[in-house]
Amino acid sequence: MKKLLLLIFGFCALGYTQDNLDAELLLNKVSENIKSYENIYINYAYTLQNLEEDISQTNNGSFVTENDNWRFEMLGVTRIFDGDKLYSISPDDEEVTISSQDPEDETTITPNKMLYFYEDGYYFEMDESRLIGNGQFRKKIQYVKLVPKDSEAEIKYILLGIDTEFNQIFEVIETGKNETVTTISIVDFEFNLPLDANLFVFDKEKYKDYYMNILD
């Protein structure tokens, strides 16, 4: 009986290990693919839901990155990171906030982090797969479940949906310990585009009437 139990547990452990290896292999393919591009341009939908609080919000935005530089826009706010400084431009407030790094909580997945966030700080395993679309446009989305290694993190887990045909991120679904679900869904994914040389440059002259909030 003891040998039978050891054999059963051995098979379970082997399956779990293989599951993790498959997830790691898939994530590595996505990373290698993303890092092979000179630049990436994304249009996305950002959804925030909490059923208990009766909150459901969806907004659209865009994100472009090249090397260490990035720029994204949502709700009229433009954020530019030029590799050194982060500029958050709010026309409604007529204010530009300038900092040396992203002041947001590092545990929160935002568009500028979604391409690489999974590389560190998570345990991962394969989750479900889904077929989306119709006819010849159907594609397989494989989800990988990521659980923070930090037990005090505000995130319960994340589902990273991957388009297995192109090894590209399709969506990120983050569930917080407060049951708030944040979803970033990619609508358009383009790469290696000819970009304006000034795309990641903050032109102070355009905002000379704005209040400059310098954090550091």
N, C-alpha and C. Protein backbone atom coordinates (compact mmCIF):
# COMPACT_ATOMS: atom_id res chain seq x y z
N MET A 1 0.84 -1.21 0.00
CA MET A 1 0.00 0.00 0.00
C MET A 1 0.87 1.25 0.00
N LYS A 2 1.93 1.20 0.81
CA LYS A 2 2.83 2.35 0.89
C LYS A 2 3.50 2.60 -0.45
N LYS A 3 3.92 1.51 -1.12
CA LYS A 3 4.57 1.66 -2.43
C LYS A 3 3.60 2.23 -3.46
N LEU A 4 2.32 1.80 -3.37
CA LEU A 4 1.31 2.30 -4.30
C LEU A 4 1.11 3.80 -4.12
N LEU A 5 1.05 4.26 -2.86
CA LEU A 5 0.87 5.69 -2.59
C LEU A 5 2.07 6.49 -3.10
N LEU A 6 3.27 5.95 -2.88
CA LEU A 6 4.47 6.64 -3.37
C LEU A 6 4.46 6.74 -4.88
N LEU A 7 4.00 5.67 -5.54
CA LEU A 7 3.93 5.67 -7.00
C LEU A 7 2.94 6.71 -7.51
N ILE A 8 1.77 6.79 -6.84
CA ILE A 8 0.74 7.77 -7.23
C ILE A 8 1.25 9.19 -7.07
N PHE A 9 1.86 9.47 -5.88
CA PHE A 9 2.39 10.80 -5.63
C PHE A 9 3.53 11.13 -6.59
N GLY A 10 4.29 10.10 -6.96
CA GLY A 10 5.39 10.31 -7.90
C GLY A 10 4.86 10.75 -9.26
N PHE A 11 3.80 10.10 -9.73
CA PHE A 11 3.20 10.48 -11.00
C PHE A 11 2.61 11.89 -10.94
N CYS A 12 1.99 12.23 -9.81
CA CYS A 12 1.42 13.58 -9.64
C CYS A 12 2.51 14.63 -9.68
N ALA A 13 3.62 14.36 -8.99
CA ALA A 13 4.73 15.31 -8.97
C ALA A 13 5.32 15.47 -10.36
N LEU A 14 5.43 14.34 -11.09
CA LEU A 14 5.97 14.40 -12.45
C LEU A 14 5.08 15.24 -13.34
N GLY A 15 3.74 15.05 -13.22
CA GLY A 15 2.81 15.83 -14.04
C GLY A 15 2.90 17.30 -13.73
N TYR A 16 3.00 17.63 -12.44
CA TYR A 16 3.08 19.03 -12.03
C TYR A 16 4.35 19.67 -12.57
N THR A 17 5.48 18.91 -12.48
CA THR A 17 6.76 19.42 -12.97
C THR A 17 6.70 19.65 -14.48
N GLN A 18 6.14 18.69 -15.21
CA GLN A 18 6.05 18.84 -16.66
C GLN A 18 5.16 20.02 -17.02
N ASP A 19 4.09 20.21 -16.23
CA ASP A 19 3.18 21.34 -16.46
C ASP A 19 3.93 22.66 -16.31
N ASN A 20 4.76 22.74 -15.29
CA ASN A 20 5.54 23.96 -15.09
C ASN A 20 6.57 24.15 -16.19
N LEU A 21 7.18 23.05 -16.63
CA LEU A 21 8.18 23.14 -17.70
C LEU A 21 7.54 23.61 -19.00
N ASP A 22 6.35 23.11 -19.29
CA ASP A 22 5.63 23.53 -20.50
C ASP A 22 5.30 25.02 -20.43
N ALA A 23 4.87 25.47 -19.24
CA ALA A 23 4.54 26.89 -19.07
C ALA A 23 5.79 27.74 -19.24
N GLU A 24 6.90 27.29 -18.64
CA GLU A 24 8.15 28.05 -18.75
C GLU A 24 8.62 28.12 -20.19
N LEU A 25 8.51 27.02 -20.92
CA LEU A 25 8.92 26.98 -22.32
C LEU A 25 8.10 27.96 -23.15
N LEU A 26 6.79 27.99 -22.91
CA LEU A 26 5.92 28.90 -23.65
C LEU A 26 6.25 30.35 -23.33
N LEU A 27 6.45 30.67 -22.06
CA LEU A 27 6.79 32.04 -21.66
C LEU A 27 8.14 32.46 -22.26
N ASN A 28 9.09 31.53 -22.32
CA ASN A 28 10.39 31.84 -22.92
C ASN A 28 10.25 32.16 -24.41
N LYS A 29 9.37 31.43 -25.10
CA LYS A 29 9.13 31.70 -26.52
C LYS A 29 8.55 33.10 -26.71
N VAL A 30 7.63 33.48 -25.83
CA VAL A 30 7.02 34.81 -25.91
C VAL A 30 8.08 35.88 -25.68
N SER A 31 8.92 35.71 -24.67
CA SER A 31 9.97 36.68 -24.37
C SER A 31 10.94 36.83 -25.54
N GLU A 32 11.38 35.71 -26.08
CA GLU A 32 12.32 35.74 -27.21
C GLU A 32 11.70 36.44 -28.41
N ASN A 33 10.43 36.17 -28.64
CA ASN A 33 9.73 36.77 -29.76
C ASN A 33 9.64 38.29 -29.60
N ILE A 34 9.21 38.73 -28.42
CA ILE A 34 9.04 40.16 -28.15
C ILE A 34 10.38 40.89 -28.26
N LYS A 35 11.43 40.28 -27.72
CA LYS A 35 12.74 40.94 -27.69
C LYS A 35 13.41 40.97 -29.07
N SER A 36 12.86 40.23 -30.02
CA SER A 36 13.42 40.24 -31.38
C SER A 36 12.93 41.44 -32.19
N TYR A 37 11.87 42.12 -31.72
CA TYR A 37 11.32 43.25 -32.45
C TYR A 37 12.10 44.53 -32.16
N GLU A 38 12.24 45.37 -33.15
CA GLU A 38 12.88 46.68 -32.94
C GLU A 38 11.97 47.60 -32.14
N ASN A 39 10.69 47.53 -32.41
CA ASN A 39 9.71 48.32 -31.66
C ASN A 39 8.36 47.62 -31.72
N ILE A 40 7.46 48.01 -30.84
CA ILE A 40 6.14 47.39 -30.76
C ILE A 40 5.10 48.48 -30.56
N TYR A 41 3.99 48.36 -31.30
CA TYR A 41 2.87 49.30 -31.15
C TYR A 41 1.62 48.48 -30.85
N ILE A 42 0.91 48.87 -29.80
CA ILE A 42 -0.26 48.13 -29.35
C ILE A 42 -1.45 49.07 -29.12
N ASN A 43 -2.61 48.67 -29.60
CA ASN A 43 -3.87 49.26 -29.17
C ASN A 43 -4.52 48.26 -28.22
N TYR A 44 -5.03 48.73 -27.09
CA TYR A 44 -5.54 47.80 -26.09
C TYR A 44 -6.83 48.32 -25.45
N ALA A 45 -7.55 47.40 -24.83
CA ALA A 45 -8.72 47.74 -24.01
C ALA A 45 -8.38 47.41 -22.56
N TYR A 46 -8.67 48.34 -21.67
CA TYR A 46 -8.35 48.21 -20.25
C TYR A 46 -9.66 48.17 -19.47
N THR A 47 -9.94 47.03 -18.83
CA THR A 47 -11.21 46.85 -18.12
C THR A 47 -10.96 46.61 -16.63
N LEU A 48 -11.74 47.30 -15.80
CA LEU A 48 -11.66 47.16 -14.35
C LEU A 48 -13.03 46.74 -13.84
N GLN A 49 -13.08 45.62 -13.09
CA GLN A 49 -14.36 45.11 -12.59
C GLN A 49 -14.24 44.67 -11.14
N ASN A 50 -15.28 45.00 -10.37
CA ASN A 50 -15.43 44.48 -9.01
C ASN A 50 -16.93 44.34 -8.77
N LEU A 51 -17.41 43.10 -8.80
CA LEU A 51 -18.84 42.85 -8.71
C LEU A 51 -19.40 43.27 -7.36
N GLU A 52 -18.64 43.06 -6.28
CA GLU A 52 -19.12 43.43 -4.95
C GLU A 52 -19.29 44.93 -4.81
N GLU A 53 -18.41 45.69 -5.46
CA GLU A 53 -18.48 47.15 -5.39
C GLU A 53 -19.29 47.74 -6.55
N ASP A 54 -19.83 46.86 -7.42
CA ASP A 54 -20.61 47.28 -8.57
C ASP A 54 -19.80 48.25 -9.46
N ILE A 55 -18.55 47.86 -9.74
CA ILE A 55 -17.68 48.67 -10.58
C ILE A 55 -17.40 47.92 -11.87
N SER A 56 -17.60 48.58 -12.99
CA SER A 56 -17.28 48.00 -14.29
C SER A 56 -16.93 49.15 -15.24
N GLN A 57 -15.66 49.23 -15.59
CA GLN A 57 -15.18 50.32 -16.45
C GLN A 57 -14.28 49.76 -17.54
N THR A 58 -14.46 50.28 -18.75
CA THR A 58 -13.59 49.88 -19.86
C THR A 58 -13.11 51.12 -20.60
N ASN A 59 -11.83 51.19 -20.85
CA ASN A 59 -11.24 52.30 -21.59
C ASN A 59 -10.26 51.76 -22.61
N ASN A 60 -10.08 52.51 -23.68
CA ASN A 60 -9.14 52.12 -24.72
C ASN A 60 -7.88 52.97 -24.63
N GLY A 61 -6.79 52.41 -25.08
CA GLY A 61 -5.54 53.15 -25.05
C GLY A 61 -4.57 52.61 -26.08
N SER A 62 -3.41 53.24 -26.18
CA SER A 62 -2.36 52.80 -27.10
C SER A 62 -1.02 52.83 -26.39
N PHE A 63 -0.12 52.02 -26.88
CA PHE A 63 1.19 51.86 -26.25
C PHE A 63 2.23 51.56 -27.30
N VAL A 64 3.36 52.27 -27.26
CA VAL A 64 4.45 52.01 -28.20
C VAL A 64 5.76 52.00 -27.42
N THR A 65 6.63 51.06 -27.75
CA THR A 65 7.91 50.95 -27.05
C THR A 65 9.04 50.63 -28.01
N GLU A 66 10.20 51.17 -27.71
CA GLU A 66 11.41 50.89 -28.48
C GLU A 66 12.60 51.01 -27.54
N ASN A 67 13.41 49.95 -27.48
CA ASN A 67 14.51 49.89 -26.52
C ASN A 67 13.96 50.11 -25.11
N ASP A 68 14.49 51.06 -24.36
CA ASP A 68 13.99 51.33 -23.01
C ASP A 68 12.95 52.44 -22.98
N ASN A 69 12.62 52.97 -24.13
CA ASN A 69 11.67 54.08 -24.21
C ASN A 69 10.26 53.57 -24.47
N TRP A 70 9.27 54.27 -23.91
CA TRP A 70 7.90 53.91 -24.20
C TRP A 70 6.98 55.12 -24.05
N ARG A 71 5.80 54.96 -24.64
CA ARG A 71 4.79 56.03 -24.60
C ARG A 71 3.42 55.36 -24.63
N PHE A 72 2.54 55.74 -23.69
CA PHE A 72 1.18 55.23 -23.82
C PHE A 72 0.16 56.29 -23.45
N GLU A 73 -1.02 56.11 -24.02
CA GLU A 73 -2.09 57.09 -23.87
C GLU A 73 -3.38 56.40 -23.48
N MET A 74 -4.09 57.01 -22.52
CA MET A 74 -5.40 56.52 -22.11
C MET A 74 -6.12 57.63 -21.36
N LEU A 75 -7.41 57.76 -21.61
CA LEU A 75 -8.25 58.77 -20.95
C LEU A 75 -7.67 60.18 -21.10
N GLY A 76 -7.07 60.43 -22.24
CA GLY A 76 -6.54 61.77 -22.52
C GLY A 76 -5.19 62.05 -21.90
N VAL A 77 -4.70 61.14 -21.07
CA VAL A 77 -3.40 61.32 -20.42
C VAL A 77 -2.32 60.63 -21.24
N THR A 78 -1.22 61.33 -21.48
CA THR A 78 -0.08 60.77 -22.21
C THR A 78 1.07 60.58 -21.24
N ARG A 79 1.70 59.42 -21.29
CA ARG A 79 2.86 59.15 -20.44
C ARG A 79 4.03 58.78 -21.35
N ILE A 80 5.15 59.47 -21.14
CA ILE A 80 6.34 59.27 -21.95
C ILE A 80 7.51 58.92 -21.04
N PHE A 81 8.19 57.83 -21.35
CA PHE A 81 9.42 57.50 -20.63
C PHE A 81 10.56 57.50 -21.63
N ASP A 82 11.53 58.39 -21.45
CA ASP A 82 12.61 58.55 -22.42
C ASP A 82 13.87 57.79 -22.04
N GLY A 83 13.72 56.83 -21.12
CA GLY A 83 14.86 56.06 -20.66
C GLY A 83 15.47 56.62 -19.40
N ASP A 84 15.08 57.85 -19.05
CA ASP A 84 15.61 58.52 -17.87
C ASP A 84 14.50 59.10 -17.00
N LYS A 85 13.63 59.88 -17.62
CA LYS A 85 12.54 60.54 -16.91
C LYS A 85 11.18 60.07 -17.43
N LEU A 86 10.22 60.04 -16.51
CA LEU A 86 8.84 59.73 -16.86
C LEU A 86 8.03 61.02 -16.83
N TYR A 87 7.34 61.30 -17.92
CA TYR A 87 6.51 62.51 -18.04
C TYR A 87 5.05 62.08 -18.17
N SER A 88 4.22 62.52 -17.23
CA SER A 88 2.79 62.24 -17.28
C SER A 88 2.07 63.55 -17.58
N ILE A 89 1.46 63.61 -18.76
CA ILE A 89 0.86 64.85 -19.25
C ILE A 89 -0.65 64.78 -19.15
N SER A 90 -1.25 65.68 -18.35
CA SER A 90 -2.70 65.70 -18.17
C SER A 90 -3.27 67.02 -18.66
N PRO A 91 -3.86 67.04 -19.86
CA PRO A 91 -4.46 68.27 -20.39
C PRO A 91 -5.60 68.80 -19.53
N ASP A 92 -6.40 67.92 -18.92
CA ASP A 92 -7.51 68.37 -18.08
C ASP A 92 -7.02 69.18 -16.88
N ASP A 93 -5.90 68.76 -16.31
CA ASP A 93 -5.35 69.45 -15.15
C ASP A 93 -4.31 70.50 -15.54
N GLU A 94 -3.96 70.52 -16.83
CA GLU A 94 -2.88 71.38 -17.32
C GLU A 94 -1.64 71.21 -16.43
N GLU A 95 -1.27 69.95 -16.28
CA GLU A 95 -0.15 69.62 -15.41
C GLU A 95 0.72 68.53 -16.03
N VAL A 96 2.02 68.63 -15.83
CA VAL A 96 2.97 67.59 -16.23
C VAL A 96 3.69 67.13 -14.97
N THR A 97 3.59 65.84 -14.67
CA THR A 97 4.30 65.26 -13.53
C THR A 97 5.57 64.60 -14.04
N ILE A 98 6.70 64.95 -13.43
CA ILE A 98 8.00 64.46 -13.90
C ILE A 98 8.67 63.69 -12.76
N SER A 99 9.09 62.48 -13.06
CA SER A 99 9.79 61.67 -12.05
C SER A 99 10.90 60.87 -12.72
N SER A 100 11.81 60.36 -11.91
CA SER A 100 12.94 59.60 -12.46
C SER A 100 12.59 58.14 -12.69
N GLN A 101 11.46 57.71 -12.15
CA GLN A 101 11.02 56.34 -12.36
C GLN A 101 9.50 56.29 -12.22
N ASP A 102 8.93 55.17 -12.65
CA ASP A 102 7.49 55.00 -12.58
C ASP A 102 7.07 54.93 -11.12
N PRO A 103 6.23 55.89 -10.64
CA PRO A 103 5.84 55.90 -9.24
C PRO A 103 4.76 54.91 -8.88
N GLU A 104 4.24 54.16 -9.85
CA GLU A 104 3.15 53.24 -9.57
C GLU A 104 3.61 52.04 -8.76
N ASP A 105 2.67 51.41 -8.12
CA ASP A 105 2.94 50.19 -7.37
C ASP A 105 3.54 49.15 -8.31
N GLU A 106 4.68 48.61 -7.96
CA GLU A 106 5.36 47.66 -8.81
C GLU A 106 4.60 46.35 -8.96
N THR A 107 3.64 46.08 -8.07
CA THR A 107 2.90 44.83 -8.16
C THR A 107 1.72 44.93 -9.11
N THR A 108 1.41 46.11 -9.61
CA THR A 108 0.27 46.29 -10.49
C THR A 108 0.69 46.19 -11.95
N ILE A 109 -0.06 45.42 -12.73
CA ILE A 109 0.27 45.26 -14.14
C ILE A 109 -0.36 46.39 -14.94
N THR A 110 0.48 47.19 -15.56
CA THR A 110 0.02 48.29 -16.41
C THR A 110 0.57 48.06 -17.81
N PRO A 111 0.05 48.76 -18.83
CA PRO A 111 0.48 48.49 -20.21
C PRO A 111 1.99 48.55 -20.42
N ASN A 112 2.68 49.46 -19.75
CA ASN A 112 4.12 49.55 -19.96
C ASN A 112 4.89 48.39 -19.32
N LYS A 113 4.22 47.61 -18.47
CA LYS A 113 4.88 46.48 -17.82
C LYS A 113 4.46 45.14 -18.40
N MET A 114 3.37 45.11 -19.17
CA MET A 114 2.75 43.84 -19.52
C MET A 114 3.61 42.95 -20.42
N LEU A 115 4.59 43.51 -21.12
CA LEU A 115 5.38 42.72 -22.04
C LEU A 115 6.42 41.86 -21.35
N TYR A 116 6.83 42.23 -20.12
CA TYR A 116 7.91 41.51 -19.47
C TYR A 116 7.65 41.16 -18.00
N PHE A 117 6.52 41.56 -17.44
CA PHE A 117 6.32 41.45 -16.00
C PHE A 117 6.46 40.02 -15.48
N TYR A 118 6.13 39.04 -16.31
CA TYR A 118 6.07 37.65 -15.88
C TYR A 118 7.44 37.00 -15.73
N GLU A 119 8.51 37.68 -16.12
CA GLU A 119 9.83 37.06 -16.12
C GLU A 119 10.40 36.85 -14.72
N ASP A 120 9.94 37.62 -13.76
CA ASP A 120 10.46 37.50 -12.40
C ASP A 120 9.33 37.61 -11.37
N GLY A 121 9.49 36.88 -10.28
CA GLY A 121 8.61 37.07 -9.12
C GLY A 121 7.34 36.25 -9.11
N TYR A 122 7.23 35.24 -9.99
CA TYR A 122 5.99 34.47 -10.05
C TYR A 122 6.26 32.96 -10.15
N TYR A 123 5.37 32.18 -9.52
CA TYR A 123 5.27 30.76 -9.80
C TYR A 123 4.27 30.64 -10.95
N PHE A 124 4.46 29.67 -11.83
CA PHE A 124 3.54 29.59 -12.97
C PHE A 124 3.23 28.14 -13.33
N GLU A 125 2.07 27.97 -13.95
CA GLU A 125 1.64 26.66 -14.42
C GLU A 125 0.64 26.86 -15.56
N MET A 126 0.49 25.85 -16.38
CA MET A 126 -0.47 25.91 -17.47
C MET A 126 -1.89 25.97 -16.92
N ASP A 127 -2.74 26.76 -17.56
CA ASP A 127 -4.15 26.83 -17.22
C ASP A 127 -4.95 26.38 -18.44
N GLU A 128 -6.17 26.81 -18.57
CA GLU A 128 -7.00 26.38 -19.68
C GLU A 128 -6.57 27.00 -21.00
N SER A 129 -7.05 26.43 -22.09
CA SER A 129 -6.87 27.02 -23.42
C SER A 129 -8.25 27.26 -24.03
N ARG A 130 -8.32 28.27 -24.90
CA ARG A 130 -9.60 28.61 -25.54
C ARG A 130 -9.39 28.84 -27.02
N LEU A 131 -10.42 28.53 -27.79
CA LEU A 131 -10.44 28.88 -29.21
C LEU A 131 -11.34 30.09 -29.38
N ILE A 132 -10.83 31.15 -29.96
CA ILE A 132 -11.63 32.36 -30.16
C ILE A 132 -11.73 32.67 -31.64
N GLY A 133 -12.74 33.44 -32.00
CA GLY A 133 -12.93 33.78 -33.41
C GLY A 133 -13.82 32.76 -34.10
N ASN A 134 -13.97 32.92 -35.41
CA ASN A 134 -14.83 32.04 -36.20
C ASN A 134 -14.12 31.60 -37.48
N GLY A 135 -14.46 30.38 -37.93
CA GLY A 135 -13.95 29.89 -39.20
C GLY A 135 -12.44 29.90 -39.29
N GLN A 136 -11.95 30.43 -40.41
CA GLN A 136 -10.51 30.44 -40.66
C GLN A 136 -9.77 31.44 -39.77
N PHE A 137 -10.51 32.28 -39.06
CA PHE A 137 -9.90 33.28 -38.20
C PHE A 137 -9.82 32.82 -36.74
N ARG A 138 -10.14 31.55 -36.49
CA ARG A 138 -10.06 31.04 -35.13
C ARG A 138 -8.60 30.90 -34.71
N LYS A 139 -8.33 31.20 -33.46
CA LYS A 139 -6.99 31.05 -32.94
C LYS A 139 -7.04 30.46 -31.54
N LYS A 140 -5.96 29.77 -31.19
CA LYS A 140 -5.89 29.16 -29.87
C LYS A 140 -5.18 30.10 -28.91
N ILE A 141 -5.82 30.32 -27.78
CA ILE A 141 -5.23 31.13 -26.71
C ILE A 141 -4.95 30.21 -25.53
N GLN A 142 -3.68 30.08 -25.20
CA GLN A 142 -3.28 29.27 -24.05
C GLN A 142 -3.02 30.18 -22.86
N TYR A 143 -3.65 29.88 -21.74
CA TYR A 143 -3.48 30.69 -20.54
C TYR A 143 -2.46 30.05 -19.60
N VAL A 144 -1.60 30.90 -19.05
CA VAL A 144 -0.64 30.48 -18.03
C VAL A 144 -1.01 31.21 -16.75
N LYS A 145 -1.13 30.46 -15.67
CA LYS A 145 -1.48 31.06 -14.38
C LYS A 145 -0.21 31.43 -13.63
N LEU A 146 -0.15 32.67 -13.18
CA LEU A 146 1.01 33.16 -12.43
C LEU A 146 0.57 33.58 -11.03
N VAL A 147 1.27 33.08 -10.04
CA VAL A 147 0.98 33.41 -8.64
C VAL A 147 2.21 34.11 -8.05
N PRO A 148 2.03 35.29 -7.47
CA PRO A 148 3.19 36.02 -6.91
C PRO A 148 3.93 35.21 -5.86
N LYS A 149 5.25 35.25 -5.90
CA LYS A 149 6.06 34.60 -4.86
C LYS A 149 5.94 35.35 -3.54
N ASP A 150 5.69 36.65 -3.63
CA ASP A 150 5.52 37.47 -2.44
C ASP A 150 4.13 37.25 -1.85
N SER A 151 4.05 36.62 -0.70
CA SER A 151 2.76 36.30 -0.08
C SER A 151 1.99 37.54 0.34
N GLU A 152 2.67 38.68 0.44
CA GLU A 152 2.01 39.92 0.86
C GLU A 152 1.57 40.77 -0.34
N ALA A 153 1.78 40.27 -1.53
CA ALA A 153 1.36 41.01 -2.73
C ALA A 153 -0.15 41.18 -2.75
N GLU A 154 -0.63 42.27 -3.34
CA GLU A 154 -2.06 42.53 -3.41
C GLU A 154 -2.73 41.71 -4.50
N ILE A 155 -1.93 41.08 -5.35
CA ILE A 155 -2.46 40.27 -6.43
C ILE A 155 -2.66 38.83 -5.96
N LYS A 156 -3.82 38.25 -6.25
CA LYS A 156 -4.07 36.85 -5.93
C LYS A 156 -3.42 35.96 -7.00
N TYR A 157 -3.72 36.24 -8.26
CA TYR A 157 -3.09 35.52 -9.37
C TYR A 157 -3.34 36.29 -10.67
N ILE A 158 -2.61 35.89 -11.70
CA ILE A 158 -2.74 36.50 -13.02
C ILE A 158 -2.88 35.40 -14.06
N LEU A 159 -3.78 35.58 -15.00
CA LEU A 159 -3.87 34.69 -16.16
C LEU A 159 -3.30 35.43 -17.36
N LEU A 160 -2.25 34.87 -17.92
CA LEU A 160 -1.62 35.46 -19.10
C LEU A 160 -2.04 34.66 -20.32
N GLY A 161 -2.84 35.27 -21.20
CA GLY A 161 -3.31 34.60 -22.41
C GLY A 161 -2.32 34.79 -23.55
N ILE A 162 -1.94 33.70 -24.18
CA ILE A 162 -0.91 33.74 -25.23
C ILE A 162 -1.45 33.17 -26.52
N ASP A 163 -1.30 33.91 -27.60
CA ASP A 163 -1.63 33.44 -28.94
C ASP A 163 -0.53 32.47 -29.35
N THR A 164 -0.83 31.17 -29.38
CA THR A 164 0.20 30.15 -29.58
C THR A 164 0.71 30.09 -31.02
N GLU A 165 -0.04 30.67 -31.98
CA GLU A 165 0.44 30.67 -33.36
C GLU A 165 1.61 31.63 -33.54
N PHE A 166 1.51 32.81 -32.90
CA PHE A 166 2.54 33.83 -33.07
C PHE A 166 3.39 34.04 -31.81
N ASN A 167 3.09 33.29 -30.74
CA ASN A 167 3.79 33.45 -29.46
C ASN A 167 3.78 34.91 -29.01
N GLN A 168 2.56 35.48 -29.02
CA GLN A 168 2.37 36.86 -28.61
C GLN A 168 1.34 36.92 -27.49
N ILE A 169 1.47 37.92 -26.63
CA ILE A 169 0.50 38.12 -25.56
C ILE A 169 -0.83 38.59 -26.13
N PHE A 170 -1.90 37.93 -25.74
CA PHE A 170 -3.23 38.26 -26.20
C PHE A 170 -3.99 39.09 -25.16
N GLU A 171 -3.87 38.70 -23.89
CA GLU A 171 -4.48 39.46 -22.82
C GLU A 171 -3.86 39.10 -21.47
N VAL A 172 -4.03 40.01 -20.52
CA VAL A 172 -3.56 39.80 -19.15
C VAL A 172 -4.76 40.03 -18.23
N ILE A 173 -5.09 39.04 -17.42
CA ILE A 173 -6.21 39.13 -16.49
C ILE A 173 -5.67 39.03 -15.07
N GLU A 174 -5.73 40.13 -14.34
CA GLU A 174 -5.20 40.18 -12.98
C GLU A 174 -6.34 40.17 -11.97
N THR A 175 -6.32 39.24 -11.03
CA THR A 175 -7.32 39.18 -9.95
C THR A 175 -6.65 39.55 -8.63
N GLY A 176 -7.15 40.61 -8.00
CA GLY A 176 -6.59 41.05 -6.74
C GLY A 176 -7.21 40.33 -5.56
N LYS A 177 -6.57 40.45 -4.42
CA LYS A 177 -7.11 39.83 -3.21
C LYS A 177 -8.41 40.48 -2.75
N ASN A 178 -8.68 41.68 -3.27
CA ASN A 178 -9.95 42.35 -2.99
C ASN A 178 -11.00 42.02 -4.04
N GLU A 179 -10.67 41.01 -4.89
CA GLU A 179 -11.57 40.52 -5.94
C GLU A 179 -11.76 41.51 -7.09
N THR A 180 -10.93 42.53 -7.17
CA THR A 180 -10.96 43.40 -8.34
C THR A 180 -10.24 42.71 -9.49
N VAL A 181 -10.88 42.66 -10.65
CA VAL A 181 -10.30 42.00 -11.83
C VAL A 181 -9.96 43.07 -12.86
N THR A 182 -8.68 43.12 -13.22
CA THR A 182 -8.20 44.07 -14.22
C THR A 182 -7.77 43.28 -15.45
N THR A 183 -8.31 43.66 -16.60
CA THR A 183 -8.00 42.96 -17.84
C THR A 183 -7.43 43.92 -18.87
N ILE A 184 -6.28 43.56 -19.42
CA ILE A 184 -5.72 44.30 -20.54
C ILE A 184 -5.79 43.38 -21.75
N SER A 185 -6.61 43.76 -22.74
CA SER A 185 -6.80 42.95 -23.94
C SER A 185 -6.20 43.68 -25.14
N ILE A 186 -5.35 42.99 -25.87
CA ILE A 186 -4.70 43.59 -27.03
C ILE A 186 -5.64 43.53 -28.22
N VAL A 187 -5.91 44.69 -28.80
CA VAL A 187 -6.78 44.79 -29.97
C VAL A 187 -5.94 44.73 -31.26
N ASP A 188 -4.87 45.49 -31.31
CA ASP A 188 -3.94 45.48 -32.45
C ASP A 188 -2.52 45.35 -31.94
N PHE A 189 -1.73 44.53 -32.62
CA PHE A 189 -0.33 44.33 -32.25
C PHE A 189 0.50 44.47 -33.52
N GLU A 190 1.32 45.53 -33.58
CA GLU A 190 2.18 45.75 -34.73
C GLU A 190 3.62 45.91 -34.25
N PHE A 191 4.56 45.66 -35.15
CA PHE A 191 5.96 45.74 -34.74
C PHE A 191 6.84 46.17 -35.91
N ASN A 192 8.05 46.62 -35.56
CA ASN A 192 9.06 47.06 -36.54
C ASN A 192 8.49 48.14 -37.47
N LEU A 193 7.86 49.13 -36.87
CA LEU A 193 7.28 50.23 -37.64
C LEU A 193 8.27 51.40 -37.76
N PRO A 194 8.15 52.23 -38.80
CA PRO A 194 8.95 53.47 -38.85
C PRO A 194 8.36 54.47 -37.86
N LEU A 195 9.11 54.84 -36.85
CA LEU A 195 8.60 55.71 -35.79
C LEU A 195 9.17 57.12 -35.93
N ASP A 196 8.36 58.09 -35.52
CA ASP A 196 8.80 59.48 -35.45
C ASP A 196 9.95 59.58 -34.45
N ALA A 197 11.01 60.25 -34.84
CA ALA A 197 12.19 60.38 -33.98
C ALA A 197 11.88 61.10 -32.68
N ASN A 198 10.81 61.91 -32.65
CA ASN A 198 10.47 62.67 -31.46
C ASN A 198 9.36 62.02 -30.62
N LEU A 199 9.03 60.79 -30.94
CA LEU A 199 7.90 60.13 -30.27
C LEU A 199 8.13 59.99 -28.77
N PHE A 200 9.38 59.79 -28.36
CA PHE A 200 9.69 59.59 -26.94
C PHE A 200 10.39 60.80 -26.33
N VAL A 201 10.22 61.94 -26.97
CA VAL A 201 10.85 63.17 -26.50
C VAL A 201 9.79 64.10 -25.92
N PHE A 202 10.00 64.58 -24.71
CA PHE A 202 9.09 65.55 -24.11
C PHE A 202 9.49 66.95 -24.55
N ASP A 203 8.57 67.61 -25.26
CA ASP A 203 8.82 68.97 -25.76
C ASP A 203 8.23 69.97 -24.76
N LYS A 204 9.06 70.52 -23.94
CA LYS A 204 8.62 71.43 -22.89
C LYS A 204 7.92 72.66 -23.44
N GLU A 205 8.30 73.09 -24.63
CA GLU A 205 7.70 74.30 -25.23
C GLU A 205 6.20 74.13 -25.49
N LYS A 206 5.78 72.91 -25.73
CA LYS A 206 4.36 72.66 -26.00
C LYS A 206 3.51 72.80 -24.73
N TYR A 207 4.16 72.76 -23.58
CA TYR A 207 3.43 72.76 -22.32
C TYR A 207 3.93 73.86 -21.37
N LYS A 208 4.37 74.96 -21.95
CA LYS A 208 4.94 76.04 -21.13
C LYS A 208 3.90 76.69 -20.22
N ASP A 209 2.59 76.51 -20.52
CA ASP A 209 1.55 77.06 -19.65
C ASP A 209 1.08 76.05 -18.60
N TYR A 210 1.64 74.84 -18.64
CA TYR A 210 1.25 73.81 -17.69
C TYR A 210 2.07 73.93 -16.40
N TYR A 211 1.49 73.44 -15.31
CA TYR A 211 2.23 73.36 -14.05
C TYR A 211 3.15 72.15 -14.10
N MET A 212 4.42 72.34 -13.80
CA MET A 212 5.41 71.27 -13.81
C MET A 212 5.57 70.72 -12.38
N ASN A 213 5.06 69.53 -12.16
CA ASN A 213 5.13 68.87 -10.86
C ASN A 213 6.32 67.94 -10.86
N ILE A 214 7.45 68.38 -10.35
CA ILE A 214 8.67 67.60 -10.36
C ILE A 214 8.78 66.83 -9.04
N LEU A 215 8.72 65.52 -9.12
CA LEU A 215 8.70 64.68 -7.90
C LEU A 215 10.09 64.43 -7.36
N ASP A 216 11.09 64.35 -8.22
CA ASP A 216 12.46 64.13 -7.74
C ASP A 216 13.47 64.64 -8.76
